[in-house]
Amino acid sequence: MTFKDQPAAPASPSLANRYGGQKRALTRKGKRNILIACLAVGIAFLAWVSVSAATASVSFKDIGYSTPDATLTTIDFQVTKDPAADAKCAVKAMDSKFAIVGWKVLDIGPNGADVGTDGGRTTAHRTELHTESQAVSAVVDSCWIPDGGR
């Protein structure tokens, strides 16, 4: 009998006590439970993706700003949303220490019949903010679809 043909010697009791016994193979029931869990996670992920894609979203892009004087700032920005939806955008002007010196919430109504390259989803806006002191920057803080805004 050669060395290859000999059965593996059982581990000594001290090694088994220290490192544990031999690992058991996964049972049929265990494999089935893992498969069911993976399917449930996959179905939940697909549901999350389909629901999040169906909710109305809005995004914005700052284009520029100007400060004609110490009490006025003009901001230009674009809003991309569903053309039939209403949105609200908060814009702010800040001083050199990043303190907010002007704030306004704007109502963005449904887009007009102008259909651009993106199907009329993006519109350009300009607004003036009255400021408490000289602003050195102006940005859109956030945009959202209000409740009931479709």
C-alpha atoms as a PDB file:
ATOM      1  CA  MET A   1       0.000   0.000   0.000  1.00  0.00           C
ATOM      2  CA  THR A   2       1.380   3.406  -0.950  1.00  0.00           C
ATOM      3  CA  PHE A   3       1.130   6.655   0.927  1.00  0.00           C
ATOM      4  CA  LYS A   4      -1.619   7.955  -1.415  1.00  0.00           C
ATOM      5  CA  ASP A   5      -3.852   4.961  -0.798  1.00  0.00           C
ATOM      6  CA  GLN A   6      -3.837   5.304   2.958  1.00  0.00           C
ATOM      7  CA  PRO A   7      -6.852   6.951   4.576  1.00  0.00           C
ATOM      8  CA  ALA A   8      -6.259  10.277   6.287  1.00  0.00           C
ATOM      9  CA  ALA A   9      -5.341   9.874   9.908  1.00  0.00           C
ATOM     10  CA  PRO A  10      -7.817  11.437  12.308  1.00  0.00           C
ATOM     11  CA  ALA A  11      -6.600  14.593  13.981  1.00  0.00           C
ATOM     12  CA  SER A  12      -5.219  14.190  17.425  1.00  0.00           C
ATOM     13  CA  PRO A  13      -7.669  15.082  20.209  1.00  0.00           C
ATOM     14  CA  SER A  14      -5.602  18.056  21.293  1.00  0.00           C
ATOM     15  CA  LEU A  15      -5.662  19.597  17.776  1.00  0.00           C
ATOM     16  CA  ALA A  16      -9.393  18.973  17.429  1.00  0.00           C
ATOM     17  CA  ASN A  17      -9.995  20.617  20.784  1.00  0.00           C
ATOM     18  CA  ARG A  18      -7.838  23.582  19.870  1.00  0.00           C
ATOM     19  CA  TYR A  19      -8.976  24.228  16.265  1.00  0.00           C
ATOM     20  CA  GLY A  20     -12.298  22.416  16.081  1.00  0.00           C
ATOM     21  CA  GLY A  21     -13.235  19.253  14.280  1.00  0.00           C
ATOM     22  CA  GLN A  22     -13.560  18.713  10.574  1.00  0.00           C
ATOM     23  CA  LYS A  23     -15.971  21.027   8.746  1.00  0.00           C
ATOM     24  CA  ARG A  24     -19.239  19.524   7.646  1.00  0.00           C
ATOM     25  CA  ALA A  25     -20.518  19.997   4.115  1.00  0.00           C
ATOM     26  CA  LEU A  26     -23.517  22.274   3.593  1.00  0.00           C
ATOM     27  CA  THR A  27     -26.746  20.321   3.774  1.00  0.00           C
ATOM     28  CA  ARG A  28     -29.427  20.359   1.114  1.00  0.00           C
ATOM     29  CA  LYS A  29     -31.679  22.380   3.460  1.00  0.00           C
ATOM     30  CA  GLY A  30     -28.889  24.908   4.083  1.00  0.00           C
ATOM     31  CA  LYS A  31     -28.285  25.354   0.350  1.00  0.00           C
ATOM     32  CA  ARG A  32     -32.022  25.850  -0.203  1.00  0.00           C
ATOM     33  CA  ASN A  33     -32.208  28.480   2.566  1.00  0.00           C
ATOM     34  CA  ILE A  34     -29.262  30.398   1.093  1.00  0.00           C
ATOM     35  CA  LEU A  35     -30.888  30.334  -2.353  1.00  0.00           C
ATOM     36  CA  ILE A  36     -34.201  31.615  -0.932  1.00  0.00           C
ATOM     37  CA  ALA A  37     -32.408  34.415   0.934  1.00  0.00           C
ATOM     38  CA  CYS A  38     -30.519  35.458  -2.224  1.00  0.00           C
ATOM     39  CA  LEU A  39     -33.745  35.499  -4.240  1.00  0.00           C
ATOM     40  CA  ALA A  40     -35.473  37.614  -1.582  1.00  0.00           C
ATOM     41  CA  VAL A  41     -32.607  40.133  -1.581  1.00  0.00           C
ATOM     42  CA  GLY A  42     -32.667  40.274  -5.400  1.00  0.00           C
ATOM     43  CA  ILE A  43     -36.430  40.845  -5.518  1.00  0.00           C
ATOM     44  CA  ALA A  44     -36.171  43.552  -2.844  1.00  0.00           C
ATOM     45  CA  PHE A  45     -33.403  45.282  -4.806  1.00  0.00           C
ATOM     46  CA  LEU A  46     -35.436  45.234  -8.033  1.00  0.00           C
ATOM     47  CA  ALA A  47     -38.457  46.644  -6.191  1.00  0.00           C
ATOM     48  CA  TRP A  48     -36.326  49.446  -4.726  1.00  0.00           C
ATOM     49  CA  VAL A  49     -34.877  50.310  -8.152  1.00  0.00           C
ATOM     50  CA  SER A  50     -38.310  50.426  -9.816  1.00  0.00           C
ATOM     51  CA  VAL A  51     -39.862  52.549  -7.049  1.00  0.00           C
ATOM     52  CA  SER A  52     -36.968  55.008  -6.905  1.00  0.00           C
ATOM     53  CA  ALA A  53     -37.049  55.448 -10.689  1.00  0.00           C
ATOM     54  CA  ALA A  54     -40.776  56.188 -10.607  1.00  0.00           C
ATOM     55  CA  THR A  55     -40.537  58.959  -8.004  1.00  0.00           C
ATOM     56  CA  ALA A  56     -40.302  62.493  -9.276  1.00  0.00           C
ATOM     57  CA  SER A  57     -36.824  63.943  -9.092  1.00  0.00           C
ATOM     58  CA  VAL A  58     -35.395  67.383  -9.652  1.00  0.00           C
ATOM     59  CA  SER A  59     -31.826  68.556 -10.149  1.00  0.00           C
ATOM     60  CA  PHE A  60     -30.200  71.943 -10.565  1.00  0.00           C
ATOM     61  CA  LYS A  61     -27.040  73.508 -11.937  1.00  0.00           C
ATOM     62  CA  ASP A  62     -25.565  76.856 -10.927  1.00  0.00           C
ATOM     63  CA  ILE A  63     -24.708  78.935 -14.004  1.00  0.00           C
ATOM     64  CA  GLY A  64     -23.437  82.181 -12.489  1.00  0.00           C
ATOM     65  CA  TYR A  65     -24.089  85.174 -10.291  1.00  0.00           C
ATOM     66  CA  SER A  66     -23.386  88.882 -10.148  1.00  0.00           C
ATOM     67  CA  THR A  67     -23.377  91.408  -7.324  1.00  0.00           C
ATOM     68  CA  PRO A  68     -24.209  94.826  -8.777  1.00  0.00           C
ATOM     69  CA  ASP A  69     -24.080  96.424  -5.323  1.00  0.00           C
ATOM     70  CA  ALA A  70     -23.852  95.558  -1.623  1.00  0.00           C
ATOM     71  CA  THR A  71     -27.590  94.926  -1.254  1.00  0.00           C
ATOM     72  CA  LEU A  72     -28.416  92.968  -4.409  1.00  0.00           C
ATOM     73  CA  THR A  73     -27.239  89.701  -5.961  1.00  0.00           C
ATOM     74  CA  THR A  74     -28.485  88.127  -9.197  1.00  0.00           C
ATOM     75  CA  ILE A  75     -28.198  84.362  -9.679  1.00  0.00           C
ATOM     76  CA  ASP A  76     -28.623  82.324 -12.874  1.00  0.00           C
ATOM     77  CA  PHE A  77     -29.336  78.595 -12.685  1.00  0.00           C
ATOM     78  CA  GLN A  78     -30.979  75.693 -14.517  1.00  0.00           C
ATOM     79  CA  VAL A  79     -33.579  73.258 -13.168  1.00  0.00           C
ATOM     80  CA  THR A  80     -34.177  69.806 -14.662  1.00  0.00           C
ATOM     81  CA  LYS A  81     -37.453  68.098 -13.743  1.00  0.00           C
ATOM     82  CA  ASP A  82     -40.569  66.503 -15.158  1.00  0.00           C
ATOM     83  CA  PRO A  83     -42.067  69.200 -17.454  1.00  0.00           C
ATOM     84  CA  ALA A  84     -45.527  68.919 -15.845  1.00  0.00           C
ATOM     85  CA  ALA A  85     -44.284  69.000 -12.232  1.00  0.00           C
ATOM     86  CA  ASP A  86     -43.991  71.954  -9.877  1.00  0.00           C
ATOM     87  CA  ALA A  87     -40.763  72.427  -7.935  1.00  0.00           C
ATOM     88  CA  LYS A  88     -39.294  74.717  -5.314  1.00  0.00           C
ATOM     89  CA  CYS A  89     -35.696  75.880  -5.169  1.00  0.00           C
ATOM     90  CA  ALA A  90     -33.891  77.617  -2.315  1.00  0.00           C
ATOM     91  CA  VAL A  91     -31.170  80.052  -3.376  1.00  0.00           C
ATOM     92  CA  LYS A  92     -28.703  81.769  -1.073  1.00  0.00           C
ATOM     93  CA  ALA A  93     -26.057  84.476  -1.160  1.00  0.00           C
ATOM     94  CA  MET A  94     -23.016  84.298   1.116  1.00  0.00           C
ATOM     95  CA  ASP A  95     -20.352  86.718   2.293  1.00  0.00           C
ATOM     96  CA  SER A  96     -16.599  86.104   2.486  1.00  0.00           C
ATOM     97  CA  LYS A  97     -16.993  84.173   5.768  1.00  0.00           C
ATOM     98  CA  PHE A  98     -19.667  81.898   4.231  1.00  0.00           C
ATOM     99  CA  ALA A  99     -22.400  83.520   6.315  1.00  0.00           C
ATOM    100  CA  ILE A 100     -25.758  83.629   4.550  1.00  0.00           C
ATOM    101  CA  VAL A 101     -26.620  87.241   3.723  1.00  0.00           C
ATOM    102  CA  GLY A 102     -29.599  86.520   1.424  1.00  0.00           C
ATOM    103  CA  TRP A 103     -32.083  83.650   1.067  1.00  0.00           C
ATOM    104  CA  LYS A 104     -35.123  83.029  -1.103  1.00  0.00           C
ATOM    105  CA  VAL A 105     -37.374  80.068  -1.958  1.00  0.00           C
ATOM    106  CA  LEU A 106     -38.605  80.157  -5.551  1.00  0.00           C
ATOM    107  CA  ASP A 107     -41.614  78.401  -7.054  1.00  0.00           C
ATOM    108  CA  ILE A 108     -40.742  76.727 -10.358  1.00  0.00           C
ATOM    109  CA  GLY A 109     -43.953  75.992 -12.251  1.00  0.00           C
ATOM    110  CA  PRO A 110     -44.601  73.515 -15.051  1.00  0.00           C
ATOM    111  CA  ASN A 111     -42.372  73.983 -18.077  1.00  0.00           C
ATOM    112  CA  GLY A 112     -43.763  75.692 -21.160  1.00  0.00           C
ATOM    113  CA  ALA A 113     -44.387  74.073 -24.525  1.00  0.00           C
ATOM    114  CA  ASP A 114     -40.775  74.797 -25.556  1.00  0.00           C
ATOM    115  CA  VAL A 115     -39.294  71.386 -26.300  1.00  0.00           C
ATOM    116  CA  GLY A 116     -35.498  71.439 -26.294  1.00  0.00           C
ATOM    117  CA  THR A 117     -32.986  68.669 -26.754  1.00  0.00           C
ATOM    118  CA  ASP A 118     -33.995  67.044 -23.453  1.00  0.00           C
ATOM    119  CA  GLY A 119     -37.744  67.019 -24.091  1.00  0.00           C
ATOM    120  CA  GLY A 120     -38.412  70.268 -22.243  1.00  0.00           C
ATOM    121  CA  ARG A 121     -37.113  68.984 -18.890  1.00  0.00           C
ATOM    122  CA  THR A 122     -34.490  71.726 -18.319  1.00  0.00           C
ATOM    123  CA  THR A 123     -35.365  75.393 -17.868  1.00  0.00           C
ATOM    124  CA  ALA A 124     -33.160  78.425 -17.162  1.00  0.00           C
ATOM    125  CA  HIS A 125     -33.965  80.855 -14.351  1.00  0.00           C
ATOM    126  CA  ARG A 126     -32.661  84.191 -13.072  1.00  0.00           C
ATOM    127  CA  THR A 127     -33.605  85.730  -9.763  1.00  0.00           C
ATOM    128  CA  GLU A 128     -32.533  88.676  -7.640  1.00  0.00           C
ATOM    129  CA  LEU A 129     -31.761  88.353  -3.948  1.00  0.00           C
ATOM    130  CA  HIS A 130     -31.745  91.311  -1.620  1.00  0.00           C
ATOM    131  CA  THR A 131     -28.797  90.948   0.725  1.00  0.00           C
ATOM    132  CA  GLU A 132     -27.940  92.303   4.173  1.00  0.00           C
ATOM    133  CA  SER A 133     -24.308  92.970   3.170  1.00  0.00           C
ATOM    134  CA  GLN A 134     -21.971  92.470   0.216  1.00  0.00           C
ATOM    135  CA  ALA A 135     -22.237  88.915  -1.148  1.00  0.00           C
ATOM    136  CA  VAL A 136     -19.216  87.204  -2.676  1.00  0.00           C
ATOM    137  CA  SER A 137     -21.078  84.126  -3.924  1.00  0.00           C
ATOM    138  CA  ALA A 138     -24.586  82.934  -4.680  1.00  0.00           C
ATOM    139  CA  VAL A 139     -25.732  79.347  -5.211  1.00  0.00           C
ATOM    140  CA  VAL A 140     -28.798  77.142  -5.351  1.00  0.00           C
ATOM    141  CA  ASP A 141     -28.969  75.423  -1.964  1.00  0.00           C
ATOM    142  CA  SER A 142     -31.527  72.751  -2.914  1.00  0.00           C
ATOM    143  CA  CYS A 143     -34.524  71.962  -5.124  1.00  0.00           C
ATOM    144  CA  TRP A 144     -37.411  69.615  -4.391  1.00  0.00           C
ATOM    145  CA  ILE A 145     -40.831  68.520  -5.617  1.00  0.00           C
ATOM    146  CA  PRO A 146     -43.389  69.726  -3.057  1.00  0.00           C
ATOM    147  CA  ASP A 147     -46.032  67.325  -1.731  1.00  0.00           C
ATOM    148  CA  GLY A 148     -48.879  67.168  -4.219  1.00  0.00           C
ATOM    149  CA  GLY A 149     -46.690  68.727  -6.931  1.00  0.00           C
ATOM    150  CA  ARG A 150     -47.286  65.592  -9.029  1.00  0.00           C
END
